[in-house]
N, C-alpha and C. Protein backbone atom coordinates (compact mmCIF):
# COMPACT_ATOMS: atom_id res chain seq x y z
N UNK A 1 87.63 91.14 69.66
CA UNK A 1 87.26 89.74 69.72
C UNK A 1 88.39 88.84 69.23
N UNK A 2 89.19 89.33 68.30
CA UNK A 2 90.26 88.48 67.77
C UNK A 2 91.28 88.14 68.85
N UNK A 3 91.56 89.08 69.74
CA UNK A 3 92.49 88.79 70.83
C UNK A 3 91.89 87.76 71.79
N UNK A 4 90.62 87.89 72.09
CA UNK A 4 89.94 86.92 72.96
C UNK A 4 89.97 85.53 72.33
N UNK A 5 89.72 85.46 71.03
CA UNK A 5 89.76 84.18 70.33
C UNK A 5 91.15 83.56 70.40
N UNK A 6 92.18 84.39 70.26
CA UNK A 6 93.56 83.89 70.34
C UNK A 6 93.88 83.35 71.73
N UNK A 7 93.42 84.05 72.77
CA UNK A 7 93.68 83.61 74.14
C UNK A 7 93.03 82.26 74.42
N UNK A 8 91.86 82.04 73.86
CA UNK A 8 91.19 80.75 74.03
C UNK A 8 91.94 79.67 73.25
N UNK A 9 92.28 79.99 72.01
CA UNK A 9 92.93 79.01 71.12
C UNK A 9 94.28 78.55 71.66
N UNK A 10 95.09 79.50 72.19
CA UNK A 10 96.42 79.10 72.67
C UNK A 10 96.42 78.59 74.10
N UNK A 11 95.24 78.55 74.75
CA UNK A 11 95.14 77.98 76.08
C UNK A 11 95.42 78.95 77.22
N UNK A 12 95.75 80.19 76.89
CA UNK A 12 95.98 81.19 77.94
C UNK A 12 94.73 81.39 78.77
N UNK A 13 93.60 81.49 78.10
CA UNK A 13 92.30 81.57 78.78
C UNK A 13 91.68 80.18 78.74
N UNK A 14 91.46 79.60 79.91
CA UNK A 14 90.86 78.27 79.95
C UNK A 14 89.83 78.22 81.07
N UNK A 15 89.15 77.12 81.17
CA UNK A 15 88.15 76.95 82.22
C UNK A 15 87.07 78.02 82.17
N UNK A 16 86.80 78.60 83.33
CA UNK A 16 85.74 79.59 83.45
C UNK A 16 85.98 80.84 82.63
N UNK A 17 87.25 81.26 82.52
CA UNK A 17 87.53 82.47 81.74
C UNK A 17 87.29 82.22 80.26
N UNK A 18 87.62 81.04 79.76
CA UNK A 18 87.35 80.72 78.36
C UNK A 18 85.85 80.77 78.08
N UNK A 19 85.07 80.26 79.01
CA UNK A 19 83.61 80.28 78.84
C UNK A 19 83.11 81.73 78.81
N UNK A 20 83.62 82.57 79.71
CA UNK A 20 83.23 83.98 79.72
C UNK A 20 83.58 84.64 78.38
N UNK A 21 84.79 84.42 77.91
CA UNK A 21 85.22 85.03 76.65
C UNK A 21 84.40 84.52 75.47
N UNK A 22 84.11 83.22 75.45
CA UNK A 22 83.29 82.66 74.36
C UNK A 22 81.92 83.32 74.33
N UNK A 23 81.33 83.55 75.49
CA UNK A 23 80.02 84.18 75.54
C UNK A 23 80.10 85.66 75.18
N UNK A 24 81.18 86.32 75.52
CA UNK A 24 81.38 87.71 75.11
C UNK A 24 81.49 87.80 73.59
N UNK A 25 82.26 86.91 72.99
CA UNK A 25 82.42 86.88 71.54
C UNK A 25 81.06 86.64 70.88
N UNK A 26 80.29 85.71 71.41
CA UNK A 26 78.97 85.41 70.88
C UNK A 26 78.06 86.64 70.96
N UNK A 27 78.07 87.32 72.09
CA UNK A 27 77.22 88.51 72.25
C UNK A 27 77.60 89.59 71.26
N UNK A 28 78.89 89.86 71.14
CA UNK A 28 79.36 90.92 70.23
C UNK A 28 79.08 90.55 68.78
N UNK A 29 79.24 89.28 68.44
CA UNK A 29 78.99 88.86 67.05
C UNK A 29 77.50 88.88 66.71
N UNK A 30 76.64 89.00 67.72
CA UNK A 30 75.20 89.07 67.50
C UNK A 30 74.63 90.45 67.76
N UNK A 31 75.49 91.46 67.68
CA UNK A 31 75.00 92.83 67.71
C UNK A 31 75.24 93.64 68.97
N UNK A 32 75.67 93.02 70.05
CA UNK A 32 75.98 93.79 71.25
C UNK A 32 77.22 94.62 70.97
N UNK A 33 77.17 95.91 71.30
CA UNK A 33 78.27 96.82 70.95
C UNK A 33 79.56 96.49 71.70
N UNK A 34 79.46 96.23 72.99
CA UNK A 34 80.64 95.87 73.78
C UNK A 34 80.19 95.13 75.03
N UNK A 35 81.09 94.29 75.55
CA UNK A 35 80.82 93.48 76.74
C UNK A 35 81.96 93.70 77.72
N UNK A 36 81.62 93.79 78.99
CA UNK A 36 82.62 93.98 80.04
C UNK A 36 82.64 92.78 80.96
N UNK A 37 83.85 92.30 81.28
CA UNK A 37 84.02 91.26 82.29
C UNK A 37 84.63 91.97 83.50
N UNK A 38 83.91 91.93 84.63
CA UNK A 38 84.41 92.60 85.84
C UNK A 38 84.22 91.69 87.05
N UNK A 39 85.00 91.95 88.08
CA UNK A 39 84.88 91.24 89.34
C UNK A 39 83.85 91.97 90.19
N UNK A 40 82.69 91.39 90.35
CA UNK A 40 81.62 92.02 91.09
C UNK A 40 81.82 92.04 92.59
N UNK A 41 82.89 91.44 93.08
CA UNK A 41 83.15 91.43 94.52
C UNK A 41 83.82 92.70 95.01
N UNK A 42 84.37 93.51 94.10
CA UNK A 42 85.00 94.77 94.48
C UNK A 42 83.94 95.86 94.59
N UNK A 43 84.02 96.69 95.62
CA UNK A 43 83.03 97.76 95.76
C UNK A 43 82.98 98.68 94.54
N UNK A 44 81.80 98.97 94.09
CA UNK A 44 81.56 99.91 92.99
C UNK A 44 82.23 99.50 91.68
N UNK A 45 82.45 98.19 91.49
CA UNK A 45 83.19 97.72 90.32
C UNK A 45 82.50 98.09 89.00
N UNK A 46 81.19 98.00 88.95
CA UNK A 46 80.48 98.35 87.72
C UNK A 46 80.65 99.83 87.39
N UNK A 47 80.50 100.68 88.37
CA UNK A 47 80.69 102.12 88.15
C UNK A 47 82.12 102.44 87.71
N UNK A 48 83.09 101.81 88.35
CA UNK A 48 84.49 102.05 88.00
C UNK A 48 84.79 101.59 86.57
N UNK A 49 84.21 100.49 86.16
CA UNK A 49 84.46 99.97 84.82
C UNK A 49 83.82 100.84 83.76
N UNK A 50 82.58 101.25 83.98
CA UNK A 50 81.83 101.94 82.94
C UNK A 50 82.08 103.46 82.93
N UNK A 51 82.33 104.04 84.08
CA UNK A 51 82.41 105.50 84.16
C UNK A 51 83.81 106.08 84.28
N UNK A 52 84.84 105.25 84.22
CA UNK A 52 86.21 105.78 84.25
C UNK A 52 86.94 105.37 82.98
N UNK A 53 87.92 106.17 82.60
CA UNK A 53 88.67 105.86 81.37
C UNK A 53 89.46 104.57 81.50
N UNK A 54 90.06 104.31 82.66
CA UNK A 54 90.89 103.13 82.84
C UNK A 54 90.07 101.87 83.07
N UNK A 55 88.97 101.99 83.83
CA UNK A 55 88.17 100.82 84.14
C UNK A 55 88.91 99.87 85.07
N UNK A 56 88.26 98.76 85.40
CA UNK A 56 88.91 97.76 86.26
C UNK A 56 88.71 96.35 85.72
N UNK A 57 88.15 96.23 84.55
CA UNK A 57 87.86 94.92 83.99
C UNK A 57 88.40 94.78 82.59
N UNK A 58 87.75 93.93 81.82
CA UNK A 58 88.12 93.67 80.44
C UNK A 58 86.94 93.99 79.55
N UNK A 59 87.18 94.79 78.50
CA UNK A 59 86.13 95.14 77.57
C UNK A 59 86.37 94.39 76.26
N UNK A 60 85.34 93.74 75.77
CA UNK A 60 85.40 93.02 74.49
C UNK A 60 84.57 93.81 73.49
N UNK A 61 85.19 94.14 72.35
CA UNK A 61 84.49 94.86 71.29
C UNK A 61 84.66 94.10 69.98
N UNK A 62 83.77 94.40 69.05
CA UNK A 62 83.83 93.74 67.74
C UNK A 62 85.11 94.12 67.02
N UNK A 63 85.67 93.20 66.28
CA UNK A 63 86.90 93.50 65.55
C UNK A 63 86.58 94.30 64.30
N UNK A 64 86.82 95.60 64.40
CA UNK A 64 86.69 96.52 63.28
C UNK A 64 87.45 97.79 63.61
N UNK A 65 87.21 98.85 62.93
CA UNK A 65 87.97 100.07 63.14
C UNK A 65 87.32 101.05 64.11
N UNK A 66 86.27 100.63 64.81
CA UNK A 66 85.64 101.51 65.78
C UNK A 66 86.60 101.80 66.92
N UNK A 67 86.55 103.01 67.44
CA UNK A 67 87.40 103.41 68.55
C UNK A 67 86.51 103.75 69.73
N UNK A 68 86.83 103.20 70.88
CA UNK A 68 86.08 103.48 72.11
C UNK A 68 87.01 104.18 73.08
N UNK A 69 86.59 105.31 73.62
CA UNK A 69 87.41 106.05 74.59
C UNK A 69 87.12 105.57 75.99
């Protein structure tokens, strides 16, 4: 979440992406373990993001020492 906050603060993420990141940060800070931002227009995008190591989107996790493979 700290990286997402930095991207919003320095203006790298703006407009719609800033809104997405702000809501991801809100969800994670309220107990959601992780949030994924993916392009739903690509075939099988959800499966590729969740079931592959590389994924195709952006995963937001709480800032702590947890490790996600």
